[in-house]
PDB file of N, CA and C in Angstrom:
ATOM      1  N   MET A   1       0.850  -1.171   0.000  1.00  0.00           N
ATOM      2  CA  MET A   1       0.000   0.000   0.000  1.00  0.00           C
ATOM      3  C   MET A   1       0.896   1.235   0.000  1.00  0.00           C
ATOM      4  N   PRO A   2       0.642   2.189  -0.878  1.00  0.00           N
ATOM      5  CA  PRO A   2       1.461   3.396  -0.932  1.00  0.00           C
ATOM      6  C   PRO A   2       1.376   4.199   0.371  1.00  0.00           C
ATOM      7  N   VAL A   3       2.449   4.908   0.661  1.00  0.00           N
ATOM      8  CA  VAL A   3       2.487   5.737   1.860  1.00  0.00           C
ATOM      9  C   VAL A   3       1.406   6.806   1.753  1.00  0.00           C
ATOM     10  N   GLY A   4       0.669   6.990   2.820  1.00  0.00           N
ATOM     11  CA  GLY A   4      -0.378   8.002   2.855  1.00  0.00           C
ATOM     12  C   GLY A   4      -1.714   7.526   2.307  1.00  0.00           C
ATOM     13  N   ALA A   5      -1.758   6.330   1.728  1.00  0.00           N
ATOM     14  CA  ALA A   5      -3.016   5.793   1.213  1.00  0.00           C
ATOM     15  C   ALA A   5      -3.869   5.332   2.399  1.00  0.00           C
ATOM     16  N   PRO A   6      -5.184   5.545   2.335  1.00  0.00           N
ATOM     17  CA  PRO A   6      -6.037   5.111   3.448  1.00  0.00           C
ATOM     18  C   PRO A   6      -6.107   3.590   3.529  1.00  0.00           C
ATOM     19  N   THR A   7      -6.210   3.107   4.749  1.00  0.00           N
ATOM     20  CA  THR A   7      -6.350   1.667   4.979  1.00  0.00           C
ATOM     21  C   THR A   7      -7.784   1.253   4.639  1.00  0.00           C
ATOM     22  N   PRO A   8      -8.025  -0.047   4.484  1.00  0.00           N
ATOM     23  CA  PRO A   8      -9.405  -0.494   4.241  1.00  0.00           C
ATOM     24  C   PRO A   8     -10.371  -0.057   5.349  1.00  0.00           C
ATOM     25  N   GLN A   9      -9.893  -0.073   6.611  1.00  0.00           N
ATOM     26  CA  GLN A   9     -10.757   0.389   7.711  1.00  0.00           C
ATOM     27  C   GLN A   9     -11.109   1.861   7.552  1.00  0.00           C
ATOM     28  N   GLN A  10     -10.129   2.668   7.158  1.00  0.00           N
ATOM     29  CA  GLN A  10     -10.381   4.097   6.977  1.00  0.00           C
ATOM     30  C   GLN A  10     -11.344   4.342   5.823  1.00  0.00           C
ATOM     31  N   GLN A  11     -11.221   3.558   4.762  1.00  0.00           N
ATOM     32  CA  GLN A  11     -12.137   3.708   3.636  1.00  0.00           C
ATOM     33  C   GLN A  11     -13.557   3.327   4.036  1.00  0.00           C
ATOM     34  N   ALA A  12     -13.690   2.223   4.766  1.00  0.00           N
ATOM     35  CA  ALA A  12     -15.014   1.806   5.233  1.00  0.00           C
ATOM     36  C   ALA A  12     -15.589   2.836   6.201  1.00  0.00           C
ATOM     37  N   ALA A  13     -14.753   3.357   7.081  1.00  0.00           N
ATOM     38  CA  ALA A  13     -15.212   4.367   8.042  1.00  0.00           C
ATOM     39  C   ALA A  13     -15.671   5.633   7.329  1.00  0.00           C
ATOM     40  N   ALA A  14     -14.938   6.037   6.302  1.00  0.00           N
ATOM     41  CA  ALA A  14     -15.321   7.236   5.558  1.00  0.00           C
ATOM     42  C   ALA A  14     -16.677   7.059   4.877  1.00  0.00           C
ATOM     43  N   ALA A  15     -16.990   5.833   4.466  1.00  0.00           N
ATOM     44  CA  ALA A  15     -18.275   5.573   3.812  1.00  0.00           C
ATOM     45  C   ALA A  15     -19.420   5.427   4.820  1.00  0.00           C
ATOM     46  N   LEU A  16     -19.149   4.790   5.958  1.00  0.00           N
ATOM     47  CA  LEU A  16     -20.208   4.492   6.914  1.00  0.00           C
ATOM     48  C   LEU A  16     -20.474   5.597   7.937  1.00  0.00           C
ATOM     49  N   ALA A  17     -19.463   6.347   8.303  1.00  0.00           N
ATOM     50  CA  ALA A  17     -19.612   7.363   9.357  1.00  0.00           C
ATOM     51  C   ALA A  17     -20.713   8.377   9.060  1.00  0.00           C
ATOM     52  N   PRO A  18     -20.795   8.935   7.851  1.00  0.00           N
ATOM     53  CA  PRO A  18     -21.874   9.904   7.599  1.00  0.00           C
ATOM     54  C   PRO A  18     -23.270   9.285   7.704  1.00  0.00           C
ATOM     55  N   ILE A  19     -23.389   8.020   7.324  1.00  0.00           N
ATOM     56  CA  ILE A  19     -24.693   7.349   7.408  1.00  0.00           C
ATOM     57  C   ILE A  19     -25.134   7.220   8.859  1.00  0.00           C
ATOM     58  N   LEU A  20     -24.187   6.887   9.739  1.00  0.00           N
ATOM     59  CA  LEU A  20     -24.494   6.717  11.158  1.00  0.00           C
ATOM     60  C   LEU A  20     -24.370   8.010  11.954  1.00  0.00           C
ATOM     61  N   ARG A  21     -23.952   9.072  11.271  1.00  0.00           N
ATOM     62  CA  ARG A  21     -23.774  10.390  11.883  1.00  0.00           C
ATOM     63  C   ARG A  21     -22.805  10.354  13.060  1.00  0.00           C
ATOM     64  N   ILE A  22     -21.653   9.719  12.812  1.00  0.00           N
ATOM     65  CA  ILE A  22     -20.584   9.697  13.792  1.00  0.00           C
ATOM     66  C   ILE A  22     -19.285  10.097  13.095  1.00  0.00           C
ATOM     67  N   ALA A  23     -18.273  10.395  13.877  1.00  0.00           N
ATOM     68  CA  ALA A  23     -16.984  10.780  13.312  1.00  0.00           C
ATOM     69  C   ALA A  23     -16.296   9.570  12.670  1.00  0.00           C
ATOM     70  N   PRO A  24     -15.562   9.789  11.582  1.00  0.00           N
ATOM     71  CA  PRO A  24     -14.846   8.673  10.956  1.00  0.00           C
ATOM     72  C   PRO A  24     -13.901   7.951  11.907  1.00  0.00           C
ATOM     73  N   ARG A  25     -13.243   8.675  12.801  1.00  0.00           N
ATOM     74  CA  ARG A  25     -12.343   8.013  13.765  1.00  0.00           C
ATOM     75  C   ARG A  25     -13.125   7.106  14.712  1.00  0.00           C
ATOM     76  N   THR A  26     -14.333   7.506  15.084  1.00  0.00           N
ATOM     77  CA  THR A  26     -15.191   6.666  15.916  1.00  0.00           C
ATOM     78  C   THR A  26     -15.567   5.402  15.153  1.00  0.00           C
ATOM     79  N   MET A  27     -15.848   5.563  13.861  1.00  0.00           N
ATOM     80  CA  MET A  27     -16.200   4.407  13.035  1.00  0.00           C
ATOM     81  C   MET A  27     -15.029   3.452  12.904  1.00  0.00           C
ATOM     82  N   VAL A  28     -13.813   3.970  12.764  1.00  0.00           N
ATOM     83  CA  VAL A  28     -12.625   3.114  12.707  1.00  0.00           C
ATOM     84  C   VAL A  28     -12.518   2.299  13.995  1.00  0.00           C
ATOM     85  N   THR A  29     -12.771   2.929  15.133  1.00  0.00           N
ATOM     86  CA  THR A  29     -12.730   2.225  16.416  1.00  0.00           C
ATOM     87  C   THR A  29     -13.775   1.118  16.458  1.00  0.00           C
ATOM     88  N   ARG A  30     -14.974   1.400  15.959  1.00  0.00           N
ATOM     89  CA  ARG A  30     -16.030   0.386  15.956  1.00  0.00           C
ATOM     90  C   ARG A  30     -15.678  -0.778  15.029  1.00  0.00           C
ATOM     91  N   ILE A  31     -15.070  -0.475  13.892  1.00  0.00           N
ATOM     92  CA  ILE A  31     -14.641  -1.528  12.967  1.00  0.00           C
ATOM     93  C   ILE A  31     -13.565  -2.383  13.615  1.00  0.00           C
ATOM     94  N   ASP A  32     -12.595  -1.743  14.258  1.00  0.00           N
ATOM     95  CA  ASP A  32     -11.536  -2.486  14.940  1.00  0.00           C
ATOM     96  C   ASP A  32     -12.101  -3.359  16.061  1.00  0.00           C
ATOM     97  N   THR A  33     -13.074  -2.831  16.787  1.00  0.00           N
ATOM     98  CA  THR A  33     -13.712  -3.596  17.858  1.00  0.00           C
ATOM     99  C   THR A  33     -14.414  -4.815  17.291  1.00  0.00           C
ATOM    100  N   ALA A  34     -15.145  -4.631  16.196  1.00  0.00           N
ATOM    101  CA  ALA A  34     -15.847  -5.762  15.567  1.00  0.00           C
ATOM    102  C   ALA A  34     -14.862  -6.810  15.074  1.00  0.00           C
ATOM    103  N   HIS A  35     -13.761  -6.361  14.510  1.00  0.00           N
ATOM    104  CA  HIS A  35     -12.740  -7.308  14.029  1.00  0.00           C
ATOM    105  C   HIS A  35     -12.149  -8.103  15.192  1.00  0.00           C
ATOM    106  N   THR A  36     -11.851  -7.424  16.281  1.00  0.00           N
ATOM    107  CA  THR A  36     -11.288  -8.113  17.445  1.00  0.00           C
ATOM    108  C   THR A  36     -12.309  -9.068  18.046  1.00  0.00           C
ATOM    109  N   LEU A  37     -13.588  -8.661  18.096  1.00  0.00           N
ATOM    110  CA  LEU A  37     -14.628  -9.542  18.634  1.00  0.00           C
ATOM    111  C   LEU A  37     -14.767 -10.809  17.807  1.00  0.00           C
ATOM    112  N   SER A  38     -14.489 -10.728  16.512  1.00  0.00           N
ATOM    113  CA  SER A  38     -14.582 -11.927  15.675  1.00  0.00           C
ATOM    114  C   SER A  38     -13.545 -12.969  16.093  1.00  0.00           C
ATOM    115  N   GLN A  39     -12.516 -12.542  16.803  1.00  0.00           N
ATOM    116  CA  GLN A  39     -11.479 -13.454  17.291  1.00  0.00           C
ATOM    117  C   GLN A  39     -11.719 -13.879  18.737  1.00  0.00           C
ATOM    118  N   LEU A  40     -12.759 -13.342  19.355  1.00  0.00           N
ATOM    119  CA  LEU A  40     -13.114 -13.668  20.741  1.00  0.00           C
ATOM    120  C   LEU A  40     -14.566 -14.150  20.769  1.00  0.00           C
ATOM    121  N   PRO A  41     -14.826 -15.377  20.364  1.00  0.00           N
ATOM    122  CA  PRO A  41     -16.212 -15.818  20.188  1.00  0.00           C
ATOM    123  C   PRO A  41     -17.060 -15.794  21.464  1.00  0.00           C
ATOM    124  N   ARG A  42     -16.489 -16.140  22.601  1.00  0.00           N
ATOM    125  CA  ARG A  42     -17.297 -16.119  23.835  1.00  0.00           C
ATOM    126  C   ARG A  42     -17.646 -14.693  24.243  1.00  0.00           C
ATOM    127  N   THR A  43     -16.702 -13.794  24.092  1.00  0.00           N
ATOM    128  CA  THR A  43     -16.965 -12.394  24.410  1.00  0.00           C
ATOM    129  C   THR A  43     -18.004 -11.832  23.454  1.00  0.00           C
ATOM    130  N   ALA A  44     -17.895 -12.175  22.169  1.00  0.00           N
ATOM    131  CA  ALA A  44     -18.873 -11.711  21.176  1.00  0.00           C
ATOM    132  C   ALA A  44     -20.265 -12.235  21.505  1.00  0.00           C
ATOM    133  N   ALA A  45     -20.349 -13.502  21.896  1.00  0.00           N
ATOM    134  CA  ALA A  45     -21.648 -14.078  22.250  1.00  0.00           C
ATOM    135  C   ALA A  45     -22.259 -13.364  23.452  1.00  0.00           C
ATOM    136  N   MET A  46     -21.427 -13.061  24.436  1.00  0.00           N
ATOM    137  CA  MET A  46     -21.928 -12.342  25.610  1.00  0.00           C
ATOM    138  C   MET A  46     -22.392 -10.939  25.242  1.00  0.00           C
ATOM    139  N   ALA A  47     -21.670 -10.294  24.333  1.00  0.00           N
ATOM    140  CA  ALA A  47     -22.059  -8.950  23.902  1.00  0.00           C
ATOM    141  C   ALA A  47     -23.384  -8.990  23.150  1.00  0.00           C
ATOM    142  N   TRP A  48     -23.519  -9.936  22.222  1.00  0.00           N
ATOM    143  CA  TRP A  48     -24.764 -10.048  21.452  1.00  0.00           C
ATOM    144  C   TRP A  48     -25.940 -10.426  22.337  1.00  0.00           C
ATOM    145  N   ALA A  49     -25.691 -11.187  23.394  1.00  0.00           N
ATOM    146  CA  ALA A  49     -26.766 -11.586  24.307  1.00  0.00           C
ATOM    147  C   ALA A  49     -27.171 -10.451  25.244  1.00  0.00           C
ATOM    148  N   GLY A  50     -26.361  -9.396  25.278  1.00  0.00           N
ATOM    149  CA  GLY A  50     -26.671  -8.274  26.151  1.00  0.00           C
ATOM    150  C   GLY A  50     -26.072  -8.405  27.538  1.00  0.00           C
ATOM    151  N   ASP A  51     -25.209  -9.401  27.721  1.00  0.00           N
ATOM    152  CA  ASP A  51     -24.593  -9.610  29.026  1.00  0.00           C
ATOM    153  C   ASP A  51     -23.402  -8.685  29.272  1.00  0.00           C
ATOM    154  N   LEU A  52     -22.886  -8.049  28.227  1.00  0.00           N
ATOM    155  CA  LEU A  52     -21.780  -7.093  28.356  1.00  0.00           C
ATOM    156  C   LEU A  52     -22.205  -5.751  27.771  1.00  0.00           C
ATOM    157  N   GLU A  53     -21.993  -4.705  28.528  1.00  0.00           N
ATOM    158  CA  GLU A  53     -22.274  -3.365  28.043  1.00  0.00           C
ATOM    159  C   GLU A  53     -21.223  -2.974  27.001  1.00  0.00           C
ATOM    160  N   PRO A  54     -21.567  -2.048  26.092  1.00  0.00           N
ATOM    161  CA  PRO A  54     -20.599  -1.621  25.073  1.00  0.00           C
ATOM    162  C   PRO A  54     -19.273  -1.146  25.660  1.00  0.00           C
ATOM    163  N   TYR A  55     -19.317  -0.468  26.801  1.00  0.00           N
ATOM    164  CA  TYR A  55     -18.079  -0.011  27.420  1.00  0.00           C
ATOM    165  C   TYR A  55     -17.191  -1.192  27.791  1.00  0.00           C
ATOM    166  N   ARG A  56     -17.778  -2.215  28.388  1.00  0.00           N
ATOM    167  CA  ARG A  56     -16.993  -3.382  28.790  1.00  0.00           C
ATOM    168  C   ARG A  56     -16.426  -4.112  27.564  1.00  0.00           C
ATOM    169  N   VAL A  57     -17.206  -4.175  26.501  1.00  0.00           N
ATOM    170  CA  VAL A  57     -16.724  -4.793  25.263  1.00  0.00           C
ATOM    171  C   VAL A  57     -15.510  -4.030  24.746  1.00  0.00           C
ATOM    172  N   SER A  58     -15.569  -2.696  24.778  1.00  0.00           N
ATOM    173  CA  SER A  58     -14.434  -1.910  24.287  1.00  0.00           C
ATOM    174  C   SER A  58     -13.188  -2.120  25.147  1.00  0.00           C
ATOM    175  N   VAL A  59     -13.364  -2.242  26.458  1.00  0.00           N
ATOM    176  CA  VAL A  59     -12.223  -2.489  27.350  1.00  0.00           C
ATOM    177  C   VAL A  59     -11.612  -3.858  27.057  1.00  0.00           C
ATOM    178  N   ILE A  60     -12.450  -4.865  26.892  1.00  0.00           N
ATOM    179  CA  ILE A  60     -11.961  -6.219  26.626  1.00  0.00           C
ATOM    180  C   ILE A  60     -11.239  -6.268  25.283  1.00  0.00           C
ATOM    181  N   THR A  61     -11.816  -5.658  24.258  1.00  0.00           N
ATOM    182  CA  THR A  61     -11.177  -5.716  22.937  1.00  0.00           C
ATOM    183  C   THR A  61      -9.877  -4.923  22.920  1.00  0.00           C
ATOM    184  N   ARG A  62      -9.839  -3.788  23.628  1.00  0.00           N
ATOM    185  CA  ARG A  62      -8.583  -3.034  23.711  1.00  0.00           C
ATOM    186  C   ARG A  62      -7.506  -3.861  24.406  1.00  0.00           C
ATOM    187  N   ALA A  63      -7.877  -4.541  25.471  1.00  0.00           N
ATOM    188  CA  ALA A  63      -6.918  -5.389  26.193  1.00  0.00           C
ATOM    189  C   ALA A  63      -6.460  -6.547  25.303  1.00  0.00           C
ATOM    190  N   ALA A  64      -7.375  -7.123  24.557  1.00  0.00           N
ATOM    191  CA  ALA A  64      -7.015  -8.236  23.678  1.00  0.00           C
ATOM    192  C   ALA A  64      -6.064  -7.781  22.579  1.00  0.00           C
ATOM    193  N   ARG A  65      -6.321  -6.626  21.990  1.00  0.00           N
ATOM    194  CA  ARG A  65      -5.429  -6.111  20.940  1.00  0.00           C
ATOM    195  C   ARG A  65      -4.052  -5.810  21.507  1.00  0.00           C
ATOM    196  N   GLY A  66      -3.991  -5.152  22.643  1.00  0.00           N
ATOM    197  CA  GLY A  66      -2.715  -4.801  23.246  1.00  0.00           C
ATOM    198  C   GLY A  66      -1.969  -6.018  23.750  1.00  0.00           C
ATOM    199  N   SER A  67      -2.682  -6.947  24.376  1.00  0.00           N
ATOM    200  CA  SER A  67      -2.044  -8.126  24.938  1.00  0.00           C
ATOM    201  C   SER A  67      -1.597  -9.089  23.863  1.00  0.00           C
ATOM    202  N   ASN A  68      -2.360  -9.224  22.794  1.00  0.00           N
ATOM    203  CA  ASN A  68      -1.983 -10.162  21.743  1.00  0.00           C
ATOM    204  C   ASN A  68      -0.736  -9.703  21.007  1.00  0.00           C
ATOM    205  N   ARG A  69      -0.468  -8.418  21.000  1.00  0.00           N
ATOM    206  CA  ARG A  69       0.760  -7.933  20.372  1.00  0.00           C
ATOM    207  C   ARG A  69       1.984  -8.439  21.125  1.00  0.00           C
ATOM    208  N   SER A  70       1.874  -8.508  22.452  1.00  0.00           N
ATOM    209  CA  SER A  70       3.016  -8.962  23.241  1.00  0.00           C
ATOM    210  C   SER A  70       2.988 -10.465  23.483  1.00  0.00           C
ATOM    211  N   GLY A  71       1.862 -11.105  23.134  1.00  0.00           N
ATOM    212  CA  GLY A  71       1.747 -12.537  23.335  1.00  0.00           C
ATOM    213  C   GLY A  71       1.333 -12.926  24.738  1.00  0.00           C
ATOM    214  N   TRP A  72       1.126 -11.949  25.606  1.00  0.00           N
ATOM    215  CA  TRP A  72       0.831 -12.232  27.002  1.00  0.00           C
ATOM    216  C   TRP A  72      -0.531 -12.889  27.169  1.00  0.00           C
ATOM    217  N   ALA A  73      -1.561 -12.379  26.515  1.00  0.00           N
ATOM    218  CA  ALA A  73      -2.908 -12.904  26.730  1.00  0.00           C
ATOM    219  C   ALA A  73      -3.150 -14.225  26.018  1.00  0.00           C
ATOM    220  N   SER A  74      -2.398 -14.505  24.979  1.00  0.00           N
ATOM    221  CA  SER A  74      -2.655 -15.729  24.226  1.00  0.00           C
ATOM    222  C   SER A  74      -2.478 -16.974  25.091  1.00  0.00           C
ATOM    223  N   SER A  75      -1.624 -16.912  26.095  1.00  0.00           N
ATOM    224  CA  SER A  75      -1.437 -18.065  26.971  1.00  0.00           C
ATOM    225  C   SER A  75      -2.369 -18.009  28.177  1.00  0.00           C
ATOM    226  N   ARG A  76      -3.143 -16.951  28.309  1.00  0.00           N
ATOM    227  CA  ARG A  76      -4.059 -16.786  29.430  1.00  0.00           C
ATOM    228  C   ARG A  76      -5.441 -16.404  28.909  1.00  0.00           C
ATOM    229  N   PRO A  77      -6.164 -17.324  28.244  1.00  0.00           N
ATOM    230  CA  PRO A  77      -7.442 -16.967  27.637  1.00  0.00           C
ATOM    231  C   PRO A  77      -8.482 -16.500  28.639  1.00  0.00           C
ATOM    232  N   GLY A  78      -8.421 -16.939  29.875  1.00  0.00           N
ATOM    233  CA  GLY A  78      -9.387 -16.497  30.866  1.00  0.00           C
ATOM    234  C   GLY A  78      -9.270 -15.021  31.190  1.00  0.00           C
ATOM    235  N   CYS A  79      -8.086 -14.441  30.955  1.00  0.00           N
ATOM    236  CA  CYS A  79      -7.890 -13.024  31.234  1.00  0.00           C
ATOM    237  C   CYS A  79      -8.727 -12.165  30.295  1.00  0.00           C
ATOM    238  N   ILE A  80      -8.939 -12.649  29.087  1.00  0.00           N
ATOM    239  CA  ILE A  80      -9.703 -11.874  28.109  1.00  0.00           C
ATOM    240  C   ILE A  80     -11.180 -12.191  28.214  1.00  0.00           C
ATOM    241  N   THR A  81     -11.531 -13.451  28.354  1.00  0.00           N
ATOM    242  CA  THR A  81     -12.937 -13.836  28.321  1.00  0.00           C
ATOM    243  C   THR A  81     -13.599 -13.815  29.689  1.00  0.00           C
ATOM    244  N   GLY A  82     -12.808 -13.758  30.746  1.00  0.00           N
ATOM    245  CA  GLY A  82     -13.386 -13.711  32.079  1.00  0.00           C
ATOM    246  C   GLY A  82     -13.939 -15.047  32.533  1.00  0.00           C
ATOM    247  N   THR A  83     -13.453 -16.156  31.983  1.00  0.00           N
ATOM    248  CA  THR A  83     -14.018 -17.452  32.322  1.00  0.00           C
ATOM    249  C   THR A  83     -13.274 -18.178  33.426  1.00  0.00           C
ATOM    250  N   SER A  84     -12.076 -17.723  33.779  1.00  0.00           N
ATOM    251  CA  SER A  84     -11.312 -18.486  34.773  1.00  0.00           C
ATOM    252  C   SER A  84     -11.007 -17.664  36.017  1.00  0.00           C
ATOM    253  N   GLY A  85     -11.882 -16.779  36.375  1.00  0.00           N
ATOM    254  CA  GLY A  85     -11.648 -16.007  37.584  1.00  0.00           C
ATOM    255  C   GLY A  85     -10.728 -14.835  37.347  1.00  0.00           C
ATOM    256  N   SER A  86      -9.917 -14.541  38.352  1.00  0.00           N
ATOM    257  CA  SER A  86      -9.067 -13.369  38.254  1.00  0.00           C
ATOM    258  C   SER A  86      -7.846 -13.646  37.370  1.00  0.00           C
ATOM    259  N   CYS A  87      -7.351 -12.593  36.793  1.00  0.00           N
ATOM    260  CA  CYS A  87      -6.208 -12.686  35.898  1.00  0.00           C
ATOM    261  C   CYS A  87      -4.931 -12.497  36.714  1.00  0.00           C
ATOM    262  N   PRO A  88      -3.921 -13.358  36.533  1.00  0.00           N
ATOM    263  CA  PRO A  88      -2.683 -13.177  37.280  1.00  0.00           C
ATOM    264  C   PRO A  88      -1.973 -11.896  36.876  1.00  0.00           C
ATOM    265  N   ALA A  89      -1.237 -11.344  37.800  1.00  0.00           N
ATOM    266  CA  ALA A  89      -0.521 -10.091  37.518  1.00  0.00           C
ATOM    267  C   ALA A  89       0.543 -10.318  36.467  1.00  0.00           C
ATOM    268  N   ARG A  90       0.739  -9.306  35.659  1.00  0.00           N
ATOM    269  CA  ARG A  90       1.776  -9.349  34.642  1.00  0.00           C
ATOM    270  C   ARG A  90       3.116  -9.271  35.326  1.00  0.00           C
ATOM    271  N   GLY A  91       4.027 -10.068  34.869  1.00  0.00           N
ATOM    272  CA  GLY A  91       5.234  -9.847  35.541  1.00  0.00           C
ATOM    273  C   GLY A  91       6.357 -10.702  35.385  1.00  0.00           C
TER     274      GLY A  91
END
């Protein structure tokens, strides 16, 4: 992709944001959240069932994106999905 060219998320956000009457940057965040949720099926199911508020979904997906970059959460799936109690301290 050429330098300065918009990413696919930015292009989708530019098309969808005016329809939903939100800022394009907000739409990019929502697209990123949806993409991350597709990799967290239990969290996605809880969100669709109404068991997780949108704020909690955003916190979980942000943690999953940040943790998966370092590889920390991949070995501790309960830390992301909340299925195994408390998450051990990083360290």
